[in-house]
Amino acid sequence: MSPPDDESAALTFDDVSVARGGRLIWSEATFEVPSGGIIAVIGSNGAGKTTLLQVVLGLLPPASGRVGVFDHPPGALNKAIGYVPQNYGSISGEAIRARDAVMLGLTGRRWGFGRVSRDDNRRVDAALAAVDASEIEHKRLSQLSGGQRQRVALGGALVAEPRMLILDEPLASLDLRGQREIVGVLERINSDLGVTVLVVAHDLKPLLGVLTGAIYLLDGHAHFATLDGDVDETLLSHLYGTDVQIVHTPQGELYMRGRR
């Protein structure tokens, strides 16, 4: 896998608003998300995080404004986007092997049954290696832990060599070790392959050390801010409804806690 050569912004929102059933979900979204970073989409329950992903994928048209995905209309480049839905483990077949699940990231888009090519197998090998899943490739999903299943899901999204990965709550239901493993995989995918990563997260803490920016859904509006090692404590306090402090550990890591 070679890094994509992206000069254009990953996402461009120009005065975008979104509605469902005649109800405004969020509005006044005007920002650019640079390509090549790890971007969180955060907000309270019902704020419209999954809705934002649907807009980016072209599954839901905006009520107003313009959205660009690498300077193309939403949906036009979906073959260059790897998507992992929420609760991947519960919607995937229990009996399928991990390798076959990753292979479906290639063959699942084809019509009918075809022979798997040498290039297909090469891509699957590379995707499994990229997500640290080579050693479990012959195990069935029913035999895997939640963190291992999530790595397989990432492999299936990565196998088509996308420019962007979109992940809906990939850390949900994982223990602390599983969360750290997935965050480490995302960081390596981003740094080694140059893939832009857009990740919906309810809890920002596990991702703080790797994020380059965040899309905040607050008070019915969408905002974007780069992080670059500095996190807006006021914005996070408003988001979580409590006074939040960002602490740098002696190891240089970021940690989020409530102020006393």
C-alpha atoms as a PDB file:
ATOM      1  CA  MET A   1       0.000   0.000   0.000  1.00  0.00           C
ATOM      2  CA  SER A   2       1.337   3.418  -0.939  1.00  0.00           C
ATOM      3  CA  PRO A   3       0.228   6.747   0.576  1.00  0.00           C
ATOM      4  CA  PRO A   4      -2.377   8.663  -1.461  1.00  0.00           C
ATOM      5  CA  ASP A   5      -1.245  11.894  -3.060  1.00  0.00           C
ATOM      6  CA  ASP A   6      -3.832  14.373  -1.776  1.00  0.00           C
ATOM      7  CA  GLU A   7      -3.444  18.123  -2.163  1.00  0.00           C
ATOM      8  CA  SER A   8      -7.122  19.069  -1.842  1.00  0.00           C
ATOM      9  CA  ALA A   9      -9.013  19.423   1.428  1.00  0.00           C
ATOM     10  CA  ALA A  10     -10.543  16.169   2.615  1.00  0.00           C
ATOM     11  CA  LEU A  11     -13.856  17.896   3.404  1.00  0.00           C
ATOM     12  CA  THR A  12     -15.285  21.289   2.528  1.00  0.00           C
ATOM     13  CA  PHE A  13     -18.496  22.551   4.141  1.00  0.00           C
ATOM     14  CA  ASP A  14     -19.924  25.832   2.871  1.00  0.00           C
ATOM     15  CA  ASP A  15     -22.868  27.089   4.978  1.00  0.00           C
ATOM     16  CA  VAL A  16     -24.307  23.565   5.241  1.00  0.00           C
ATOM     17  CA  SER A  17     -27.456  22.686   7.141  1.00  0.00           C
ATOM     18  CA  VAL A  18     -29.070  19.252   7.497  1.00  0.00           C
ATOM     19  CA  ALA A  19     -32.673  18.323   8.252  1.00  0.00           C
ATOM     20  CA  ARG A  20     -34.652  15.112   8.751  1.00  0.00           C
ATOM     21  CA  GLY A  21     -38.426  14.928   8.562  1.00  0.00           C
ATOM     22  CA  GLY A  22     -38.586  18.688   8.382  1.00  0.00           C
ATOM     23  CA  ARG A  23     -36.577  19.065  11.611  1.00  0.00           C
ATOM     24  CA  LEU A  24     -33.279  20.942  11.496  1.00  0.00           C
ATOM     25  CA  ILE A  25     -30.458  18.751  12.892  1.00  0.00           C
ATOM     26  CA  TRP A  26     -27.550  21.207  12.613  1.00  0.00           C
ATOM     27  CA  SER A  27     -26.665  24.240  10.537  1.00  0.00           C
ATOM     28  CA  GLU A  28     -24.099  26.969   9.750  1.00  0.00           C
ATOM     29  CA  ALA A  29     -21.311  24.498   8.976  1.00  0.00           C
ATOM     30  CA  THR A  30     -18.564  26.393   7.181  1.00  0.00           C
ATOM     31  CA  PHE A  31     -15.065  24.911   7.408  1.00  0.00           C
ATOM     32  CA  GLU A  32     -12.365  22.906   5.628  1.00  0.00           C
ATOM     33  CA  VAL A  33     -10.845  19.699   6.977  1.00  0.00           C
ATOM     34  CA  PRO A  34      -7.262  19.200   5.719  1.00  0.00           C
ATOM     35  CA  SER A  35      -6.412  15.853   4.183  1.00  0.00           C
ATOM     36  CA  GLY A  36      -4.019  13.443   5.830  1.00  0.00           C
ATOM     37  CA  GLY A  37      -5.125  13.847   9.463  1.00  0.00           C
ATOM     38  CA  ILE A  38      -7.094  11.996  12.117  1.00  0.00           C
ATOM     39  CA  ILE A  39     -10.316  13.895  12.731  1.00  0.00           C
ATOM     40  CA  ALA A  40     -12.872  13.181  15.441  1.00  0.00           C
ATOM     41  CA  VAL A  41     -16.577  13.880  15.038  1.00  0.00           C
ATOM     42  CA  ILE A  42     -17.912  14.554  18.525  1.00  0.00           C
ATOM     43  CA  GLY A  43     -21.166  15.664  20.059  1.00  0.00           C
ATOM     44  CA  SER A  44     -23.828  14.571  22.508  1.00  0.00           C
ATOM     45  CA  ASN A  45     -26.306  11.818  21.721  1.00  0.00           C
ATOM     46  CA  GLY A  46     -28.683  12.984  19.009  1.00  0.00           C
ATOM     47  CA  ALA A  47     -26.415  15.837  17.915  1.00  0.00           C
ATOM     48  CA  GLY A  48     -26.158  14.422  14.380  1.00  0.00           C
ATOM     49  CA  LYS A  49     -22.773  12.658  14.267  1.00  0.00           C
ATOM     50  CA  THR A  50     -23.913   9.696  12.169  1.00  0.00           C
ATOM     51  CA  THR A  51     -25.971  12.130  10.094  1.00  0.00           C
ATOM     52  CA  LEU A  52     -22.756  13.997   9.236  1.00  0.00           C
ATOM     53  CA  LEU A  53     -21.208  10.740   7.988  1.00  0.00           C
ATOM     54  CA  GLN A  54     -24.273  10.118   5.825  1.00  0.00           C
ATOM     55  CA  VAL A  55     -23.887  13.581   4.307  1.00  0.00           C
ATOM     56  CA  VAL A  56     -20.206  12.941   3.538  1.00  0.00           C
ATOM     57  CA  LEU A  57     -21.083   9.597   1.907  1.00  0.00           C
ATOM     58  CA  GLY A  58     -23.829  11.169  -0.181  1.00  0.00           C
ATOM     59  CA  LEU A  59     -26.574   9.165   1.530  1.00  0.00           C
ATOM     60  CA  LEU A  60     -28.325  12.290   2.815  1.00  0.00           C
ATOM     61  CA  PRO A  61     -28.357  15.539   0.837  1.00  0.00           C
ATOM     62  CA  PRO A  62     -27.876  18.757   2.799  1.00  0.00           C
ATOM     63  CA  ALA A  63     -30.900  20.983   3.210  1.00  0.00           C
ATOM     64  CA  SER A  64     -28.738  23.920   2.132  1.00  0.00           C
ATOM     65  CA  GLY A  65     -25.136  24.746   1.334  1.00  0.00           C
ATOM     66  CA  ARG A  66     -22.407  22.783  -0.434  1.00  0.00           C
ATOM     67  CA  VAL A  67     -20.297  19.818   0.655  1.00  0.00           C
ATOM     68  CA  GLY A  68     -17.081  18.743  -1.052  1.00  0.00           C
ATOM     69  CA  VAL A  69     -15.158  15.489  -0.532  1.00  0.00           C
ATOM     70  CA  PHE A  70     -11.679  15.882  -2.013  1.00  0.00           C
ATOM     71  CA  ASP A  71     -13.214  18.569  -4.266  1.00  0.00           C
ATOM     72  CA  HIS A  72     -15.938  16.182  -5.500  1.00  0.00           C
ATOM     73  CA  PRO A  73     -19.651  15.964  -4.657  1.00  0.00           C
ATOM     74  CA  PRO A  74     -20.539  13.560  -1.825  1.00  0.00           C
ATOM     75  CA  GLY A  75     -20.882  10.001  -3.123  1.00  0.00           C
ATOM     76  CA  ALA A  76     -18.746  10.537  -6.224  1.00  0.00           C
ATOM     77  CA  LEU A  77     -15.616   9.112  -4.594  1.00  0.00           C
ATOM     78  CA  ASN A  78     -17.190   6.463  -2.357  1.00  0.00           C
ATOM     79  CA  LYS A  79     -15.000   3.768  -3.929  1.00  0.00           C
ATOM     80  CA  ALA A  80     -12.064   5.682  -2.441  1.00  0.00           C
ATOM     81  CA  ILE A  81     -13.628   5.705   1.042  1.00  0.00           C
ATOM     82  CA  GLY A  82     -13.470   2.809   3.475  1.00  0.00           C
ATOM     83  CA  TYR A  83     -16.424   2.739   5.872  1.00  0.00           C
ATOM     84  CA  VAL A  84     -16.866   0.797   9.109  1.00  0.00           C
ATOM     85  CA  PRO A  85     -20.401   1.096  10.501  1.00  0.00           C
ATOM     86  CA  GLN A  86     -21.290   1.101  14.163  1.00  0.00           C
ATOM     87  CA  ASN A  87     -21.632  -2.362  15.744  1.00  0.00           C
ATOM     88  CA  TYR A  88     -19.727  -4.095  12.936  1.00  0.00           C
ATOM     89  CA  GLY A  89     -19.469  -7.308  14.971  1.00  0.00           C
ATOM     90  CA  SER A  90     -23.221  -7.691  15.373  1.00  0.00           C
ATOM     91  CA  ILE A  91     -23.974  -7.268  11.656  1.00  0.00           C
ATOM     92  CA  SER A  92     -21.206  -9.503  10.278  1.00  0.00           C
ATOM     93  CA  GLY A  93     -21.503 -13.255   9.856  1.00  0.00           C
ATOM     94  CA  GLU A  94     -20.224 -15.229  12.832  1.00  0.00           C
ATOM     95  CA  ALA A  95     -18.978 -18.160  10.754  1.00  0.00           C
ATOM     96  CA  ILE A  96     -16.917 -16.225   8.219  1.00  0.00           C
ATOM     97  CA  ARG A  97     -13.130 -16.304   8.554  1.00  0.00           C
ATOM     98  CA  ALA A  98     -11.265 -13.090   9.253  1.00  0.00           C
ATOM     99  CA  ARG A  99      -9.422 -13.299   5.910  1.00  0.00           C
ATOM    100  CA  ASP A 100     -12.670 -13.777   4.002  1.00  0.00           C
ATOM    101  CA  ALA A 101     -14.243 -10.842   5.816  1.00  0.00           C
ATOM    102  CA  VAL A 102     -11.371  -8.621   4.684  1.00  0.00           C
ATOM    103  CA  MET A 103     -11.588 -10.028   1.144  1.00  0.00           C
ATOM    104  CA  LEU A 104     -15.234  -8.929   1.020  1.00  0.00           C
ATOM    105  CA  GLY A 105     -13.928  -5.374   1.108  1.00  0.00           C
ATOM    106  CA  LEU A 106     -12.840  -6.060  -2.481  1.00  0.00           C
ATOM    107  CA  THR A 107     -15.160  -8.735  -3.852  1.00  0.00           C
ATOM    108  CA  GLY A 108     -18.304  -7.544  -2.063  1.00  0.00           C
ATOM    109  CA  ARG A 109     -18.597  -4.687  -4.563  1.00  0.00           C
ATOM    110  CA  ARG A 110     -18.490  -6.996  -7.572  1.00  0.00           C
ATOM    111  CA  TRP A 111     -21.475  -8.518  -9.303  1.00  0.00           C
ATOM    112  CA  GLY A 112     -21.627 -12.307  -9.304  1.00  0.00           C
ATOM    113  CA  PHE A 113     -18.931 -14.789  -8.373  1.00  0.00           C
ATOM    114  CA  GLY A 114     -15.463 -14.369  -9.757  1.00  0.00           C
ATOM    115  CA  ARG A 115     -12.059 -15.797  -9.274  1.00  0.00           C
ATOM    116  CA  VAL A 116      -9.896 -14.156  -6.640  1.00  0.00           C
ATOM    117  CA  SER A 117      -6.829 -12.735  -8.332  1.00  0.00           C
ATOM    118  CA  ARG A 118      -3.237 -12.691  -7.156  1.00  0.00           C
ATOM    119  CA  ASP A 119      -3.548  -8.925  -6.722  1.00  0.00           C
ATOM    120  CA  ASP A 120      -6.648  -9.431  -4.538  1.00  0.00           C
ATOM    121  CA  ASN A 121      -4.692 -11.767  -2.276  1.00  0.00           C
ATOM    122  CA  ARG A 122      -1.788  -9.313  -2.158  1.00  0.00           C
ATOM    123  CA  ARG A 123      -4.113  -6.531  -1.061  1.00  0.00           C
ATOM    124  CA  VAL A 124      -5.707  -8.710   1.619  1.00  0.00           C
ATOM    125  CA  ASP A 125      -2.270  -9.710   2.938  1.00  0.00           C
ATOM    126  CA  ALA A 126      -1.243  -6.050   3.100  1.00  0.00           C
ATOM    127  CA  ALA A 127      -4.485  -4.993   4.827  1.00  0.00           C
ATOM    128  CA  LEU A 128      -4.224  -7.782   7.410  1.00  0.00           C
ATOM    129  CA  ALA A 129      -0.626  -6.797   8.154  1.00  0.00           C
ATOM    130  CA  ALA A 130      -1.555  -3.100   8.425  1.00  0.00           C
ATOM    131  CA  VAL A 131      -4.121  -3.830  11.158  1.00  0.00           C
ATOM    132  CA  ASP A 132      -2.058  -6.487  12.995  1.00  0.00           C
ATOM    133  CA  ALA A 133      -4.479  -9.272  12.053  1.00  0.00           C
ATOM    134  CA  SER A 134      -2.271 -11.637  10.016  1.00  0.00           C
ATOM    135  CA  GLU A 135      -2.049 -14.127  12.881  1.00  0.00           C
ATOM    136  CA  ILE A 136      -5.851 -14.443  13.155  1.00  0.00           C
ATOM    137  CA  GLU A 137      -6.691 -14.534   9.446  1.00  0.00           C
ATOM    138  CA  HIS A 138      -7.922 -18.156   9.523  1.00  0.00           C
ATOM    139  CA  LYS A 139     -10.042 -17.761  12.663  1.00  0.00           C
ATOM    140  CA  ARG A 140     -13.789 -17.276  12.413  1.00  0.00           C
ATOM    141  CA  LEU A 141     -15.260 -14.021  13.668  1.00  0.00           C
ATOM    142  CA  SER A 142     -17.102 -15.946  16.392  1.00  0.00           C
ATOM    143  CA  GLN A 143     -13.696 -16.870  17.862  1.00  0.00           C
ATOM    144  CA  LEU A 144     -12.411 -13.295  18.025  1.00  0.00           C
ATOM    145  CA  SER A 145     -12.484 -10.698  20.775  1.00  0.00           C
ATOM    146  CA  GLY A 146     -14.167  -7.343  20.251  1.00  0.00           C
ATOM    147  CA  GLY A 147     -10.825  -5.651  19.560  1.00  0.00           C
ATOM    148  CA  GLN A 148      -9.815  -8.346  17.067  1.00  0.00           C
ATOM    149  CA  ARG A 149     -13.138  -8.021  15.242  1.00  0.00           C
ATOM    150  CA  GLN A 150     -12.641  -4.286  15.027  1.00  0.00           C
ATOM    151  CA  ARG A 151      -9.183  -4.811  13.506  1.00  0.00           C
ATOM    152  CA  VAL A 152     -10.744  -7.139  10.921  1.00  0.00           C
ATOM    153  CA  ALA A 153     -13.367  -4.467  10.187  1.00  0.00           C
ATOM    154  CA  LEU A 154     -10.583  -1.931   9.648  1.00  0.00           C
ATOM    155  CA  GLY A 155      -8.810  -4.375   7.341  1.00  0.00           C
ATOM    156  CA  GLY A 156     -11.956  -4.777   5.256  1.00  0.00           C
ATOM    157  CA  ALA A 157     -12.244  -1.003   4.934  1.00  0.00           C
ATOM    158  CA  LEU A 158      -8.544  -0.606   4.151  1.00  0.00           C
ATOM    159  CA  VAL A 159      -8.148  -3.378   1.584  1.00  0.00           C
ATOM    160  CA  ALA A 160      -9.403  -1.252  -1.325  1.00  0.00           C
ATOM    161  CA  GLU A 161      -6.576   1.225  -0.570  1.00  0.00           C
ATOM    162  CA  PRO A 162      -8.854   4.191   0.202  1.00  0.00           C
ATOM    163  CA  ARG A 163      -8.003   7.866   0.533  1.00  0.00           C
ATOM    164  CA  MET A 164     -10.252   8.174   3.579  1.00  0.00           C
ATOM    165  CA  LEU A 165     -11.479   5.889   6.362  1.00  0.00           C
ATOM    166  CA  ILE A 166     -14.802   6.689   8.018  1.00  0.00           C
ATOM    167  CA  LEU A 167     -15.415   4.912  11.321  1.00  0.00           C
ATOM    168  CA  ASP A 168     -18.619   5.130  13.343  1.00  0.00           C
ATOM    169  CA  GLU A 169     -17.862   4.599  17.064  1.00  0.00           C
ATOM    170  CA  PRO A 170     -15.027   2.070  16.550  1.00  0.00           C
ATOM    171  CA  LEU A 171     -14.077   2.161  20.258  1.00  0.00           C
ATOM    172  CA  ALA A 172     -17.552   1.506  21.637  1.00  0.00           C
ATOM    173  CA  SER A 173     -17.853  -1.612  23.826  1.00  0.00           C
ATOM    174  CA  LEU A 174     -14.081  -2.181  23.861  1.00  0.00           C
ATOM    175  CA  ASP A 175     -12.086  -2.421  27.082  1.00  0.00           C
ATOM    176  CA  LEU A 176      -9.164  -0.077  27.726  1.00  0.00           C
ATOM    177  CA  ARG A 177      -6.625  -2.422  26.148  1.00  0.00           C
ATOM    178  CA  GLY A 178      -8.784  -2.893  23.047  1.00  0.00           C
ATOM    179  CA  GLN A 179      -9.255   0.853  22.706  1.00  0.00           C
ATOM    180  CA  ARG A 180      -5.510   1.475  22.903  1.00  0.00           C
ATOM    181  CA  GLU A 181      -4.821  -1.207  20.294  1.00  0.00           C
ATOM    182  CA  ILE A 182      -7.322   0.268  17.825  1.00  0.00           C
ATOM    183  CA  VAL A 183      -6.048   3.811  18.380  1.00  0.00           C
ATOM    184  CA  GLY A 184      -2.511   2.552  17.730  1.00  0.00           C
ATOM    185  CA  VAL A 185      -3.640   0.903  14.489  1.00  0.00           C
ATOM    186  CA  LEU A 186      -5.385   4.098  13.367  1.00  0.00           C
ATOM    187  CA  GLU A 187      -2.276   6.144  14.112  1.00  0.00           C
ATOM    188  CA  ARG A 188      -0.104   3.779  12.080  1.00  0.00           C
ATOM    189  CA  ILE A 189      -2.550   3.664   9.152  1.00  0.00           C
ATOM    190  CA  ASN A 190      -2.562   7.446   9.111  1.00  0.00           C
ATOM    191  CA  SER A 191       1.187   7.959   9.446  1.00  0.00           C
ATOM    192  CA  ASP A 192       2.392   5.082   7.233  1.00  0.00           C
ATOM    193  CA  LEU A 193      -0.273   5.172   4.529  1.00  0.00           C
ATOM    194  CA  GLY A 194      -1.327   8.829   4.630  1.00  0.00           C
ATOM    195  CA  VAL A 195      -5.011   7.908   4.833  1.00  0.00           C
ATOM    196  CA  THR A 196      -7.340  10.581   6.207  1.00  0.00           C
ATOM    197  CA  VAL A 197      -9.257   9.117   9.157  1.00  0.00           C
ATOM    198  CA  LEU A 198     -12.680  10.450  10.176  1.00  0.00           C
ATOM    199  CA  VAL A 199     -13.865   8.835  13.397  1.00  0.00           C
ATOM    200  CA  VAL A 200     -17.091   9.347  15.316  1.00  0.00           C
ATOM    201  CA  ALA A 201     -16.424   9.178  19.042  1.00  0.00           C
ATOM    202  CA  HIS A 202     -18.642   9.650  22.057  1.00  0.00           C
ATOM    203  CA  ASP A 203     -15.630   9.697  24.368  1.00  0.00           C
ATOM    204  CA  LEU A 204     -12.649  11.713  23.179  1.00  0.00           C
ATOM    205  CA  LYS A 205     -10.177  10.589  25.855  1.00  0.00           C
ATOM    206  CA  PRO A 206      -8.686   7.524  24.099  1.00  0.00           C
ATOM    207  CA  LEU A 207      -8.066   9.524  20.907  1.00  0.00           C
ATOM    208  CA  LEU A 208      -6.581  12.710  22.333  1.00  0.00           C
ATOM    209  CA  GLY A 209      -2.966  11.772  21.657  1.00  0.00           C
ATOM    210  CA  VAL A 210      -3.447  11.113  17.918  1.00  0.00           C
ATOM    211  CA  LEU A 211      -6.040  13.659  16.787  1.00  0.00           C
ATOM    212  CA  THR A 212      -5.122  16.485  14.429  1.00  0.00           C
ATOM    213  CA  GLY A 213      -8.563  18.086  14.534  1.00  0.00           C
ATOM    214  CA  ALA A 214     -12.195  17.669  15.525  1.00  0.00           C
ATOM    215  CA  ILE A 215     -15.627  18.473  14.139  1.00  0.00           C
ATOM    216  CA  TYR A 216     -17.767  19.578  17.085  1.00  0.00           C
ATOM    217  CA  LEU A 217     -21.569  19.361  16.912  1.00  0.00           C
ATOM    218  CA  LEU A 218     -22.747  21.829  19.545  1.00  0.00           C
ATOM    219  CA  ASP A 219     -25.970  23.773  20.078  1.00  0.00           C
ATOM    220  CA  GLY A 220     -27.304  22.778  16.674  1.00  0.00           C
ATOM    221  CA  HIS A 221     -24.205  23.948  14.806  1.00  0.00           C
ATOM    222  CA  ALA A 222     -21.124  22.248  13.359  1.00  0.00           C
ATOM    223  CA  HIS A 223     -17.643  23.626  14.035  1.00  0.00           C
ATOM    224  CA  PHE A 224     -14.143  22.461  13.122  1.00  0.00           C
ATOM    225  CA  ALA A 225     -10.919  23.130  15.007  1.00  0.00           C
ATOM    226  CA  THR A 226      -7.387  21.849  14.533  1.00  0.00           C
ATOM    227  CA  LEU A 227      -5.688  20.492  17.621  1.00  0.00           C
ATOM    228  CA  ASP A 228      -1.933  20.333  16.970  1.00  0.00           C
ATOM    229  CA  GLY A 229      -1.305  19.372  20.597  1.00  0.00           C
ATOM    230  CA  ASP A 230      -3.582  22.085  21.997  1.00  0.00           C
ATOM    231  CA  VAL A 231      -7.154  21.199  22.952  1.00  0.00           C
ATOM    232  CA  ASP A 232      -9.821  23.827  23.568  1.00  0.00           C
ATOM    233  CA  GLU A 233     -10.847  23.094  27.164  1.00  0.00           C
ATOM    234  CA  THR A 234     -13.714  25.592  27.012  1.00  0.00           C
ATOM    235  CA  LEU A 235     -15.185  23.872  23.961  1.00  0.00           C
ATOM    236  CA  LEU A 236     -14.874  20.430  25.553  1.00  0.00           C
ATOM    237  CA  SER A 237     -16.379  21.680  28.819  1.00  0.00           C
ATOM    238  CA  HIS A 238     -19.362  22.962  26.884  1.00  0.00           C
ATOM    239  CA  LEU A 239     -19.620  19.692  24.969  1.00  0.00           C
ATOM    240  CA  TYR A 240     -19.584  17.440  28.035  1.00  0.00           C
ATOM    241  CA  GLY A 241     -21.540  19.773  30.294  1.00  0.00           C
ATOM    242  CA  THR A 242     -18.845  19.813  32.972  1.00  0.00           C
ATOM    243  CA  ASP A 243     -15.578  21.638  33.612  1.00  0.00           C
ATOM    244  CA  VAL A 244     -12.895  19.735  31.665  1.00  0.00           C
ATOM    245  CA  GLN A 245      -9.129  20.013  32.049  1.00  0.00           C
ATOM    246  CA  ILE A 246      -6.517  18.604  29.636  1.00  0.00           C
ATOM    247  CA  VAL A 247      -3.401  17.349  31.418  1.00  0.00           C
ATOM    248  CA  HIS A 248      -0.027  16.425  29.910  1.00  0.00           C
ATOM    249  CA  THR A 249       1.420  13.321  31.572  1.00  0.00           C
ATOM    250  CA  PRO A 250       5.187  12.968  32.248  1.00  0.00           C
ATOM    251  CA  GLN A 251       5.278  10.663  29.192  1.00  0.00           C
ATOM    252  CA  GLY A 252       3.951  13.495  26.998  1.00  0.00           C
ATOM    253  CA  GLU A 253       0.488  11.979  26.570  1.00  0.00           C
ATOM    254  CA  LEU A 254      -2.759  13.937  26.852  1.00  0.00           C
ATOM    255  CA  TYR A 255      -5.313  13.091  29.515  1.00  0.00           C
ATOM    256  CA  MET A 256      -8.769  14.586  30.012  1.00  0.00           C
ATOM    257  CA  ARG A 257     -10.285  14.952  33.464  1.00  0.00           C
ATOM    258  CA  GLY A 258     -12.896  17.008  35.288  1.00  0.00           C
ATOM    259  CA  ARG A 259     -11.630  20.009  37.245  1.00  0.00           C
ATOM    260  CA  ARG A 260     -11.866  19.850  41.010  1.00  0.00           C
END
